[in-house]
Amino acid sequence: KNKKTRIEDKMKQDTKKQYKRIKKLSTPKERKRNKKKKNKQTKKKAKREKKYKKEERGKNSKR
């Protein structure tokens, strides 16, 4: 196998493991909590990226 597919396979395996782990220890309530937590994280990340893009735009306009 070439390197790229090997890396992709490894990533897939990791996500499978995580999914199994989550599935194992989750009652519906916990699953909901995990989902909320994840949403919160992605929102934070999006906010950070937006802020960074805005700063970059500002820097470019100053030149």
Protein backbone atom coordinates (compact mmCIF):
# COMPACT_ATOMS: atom_id res chain seq x y z
CA LYS A 1 0.00 0.00 0.00
CA ASN A 2 1.13 3.50 -0.58
CA LYS A 3 1.58 5.91 2.29
CA LYS A 4 -1.60 7.94 1.73
CA THR A 5 -3.99 4.98 1.91
CA ARG A 6 -2.17 3.66 4.96
CA ILE A 7 -2.70 6.97 6.76
CA GLU A 8 -6.36 7.08 5.73
CA ASP A 9 -6.90 3.53 6.99
CA LYS A 10 -5.35 4.45 10.30
CA MET A 11 -7.63 7.47 10.59
CA LYS A 12 -10.66 5.31 9.87
CA GLN A 13 -9.59 2.82 12.52
CA ASP A 14 -9.19 5.57 15.08
CA THR A 15 -12.66 6.95 14.41
CA LYS A 16 -14.12 3.45 14.65
CA LYS A 17 -12.48 2.96 18.02
CA GLN A 18 -13.78 6.29 19.27
CA TYR A 19 -17.27 5.49 18.03
CA LYS A 20 -17.23 2.11 19.78
CA ARG A 21 -16.02 3.71 22.98
CA ILE A 22 -18.74 6.36 22.87
CA LYS A 23 -21.40 3.82 21.99
CA LYS A 24 -20.35 1.55 24.83
CA LEU A 25 -20.59 4.07 27.64
CA SER A 26 -23.59 6.04 26.53
CA THR A 27 -27.12 6.16 27.75
CA PRO A 28 -29.36 8.45 25.68
CA LYS A 29 -28.81 11.24 28.18
CA GLU A 30 -25.02 10.96 27.97
CA ARG A 31 -25.15 10.75 24.19
CA LYS A 32 -27.10 13.99 24.13
CA ARG A 33 -24.56 15.60 26.43
CA ASN A 34 -21.67 14.42 24.23
CA LYS A 35 -23.40 15.80 21.16
CA LYS A 36 -23.91 19.17 22.83
CA LYS A 37 -20.29 19.24 23.91
CA LYS A 38 -19.12 18.47 20.38
CA ASN A 39 -21.37 21.14 18.90
CA LYS A 40 -20.01 23.63 21.37
CA GLN A 41 -16.44 22.77 20.38
CA THR A 42 -17.14 23.10 16.66
CA LYS A 43 -18.88 26.43 17.23
CA LYS A 44 -15.89 27.68 19.20
CA LYS A 45 -13.56 26.55 16.44
CA ALA A 46 -15.65 28.29 13.79
CA LYS A 47 -15.68 31.45 15.86
CA ARG A 48 -11.89 31.33 16.23
CA GLU A 49 -11.41 30.83 12.49
CA LYS A 50 -13.77 33.68 11.69
CA LYS A 51 -11.89 35.99 14.05
CA TYR A 52 -8.58 35.02 12.51
CA LYS A 53 -9.86 35.62 8.98
CA LYS A 54 -11.16 39.02 10.03
CA GLU A 55 -7.76 39.95 11.48
CA GLU A 56 -6.03 38.83 8.29
CA ARG A 57 -8.40 40.93 6.21
CA GLY A 58 -7.65 43.92 8.41
CA LYS A 59 -3.91 43.46 7.99
CA ASN A 60 -4.22 43.30 4.22
CA SER A 61 -6.29 46.47 4.00
CA LYS A 62 -3.77 48.45 6.04
CA ARG A 63 -0.98 47.91 3.50
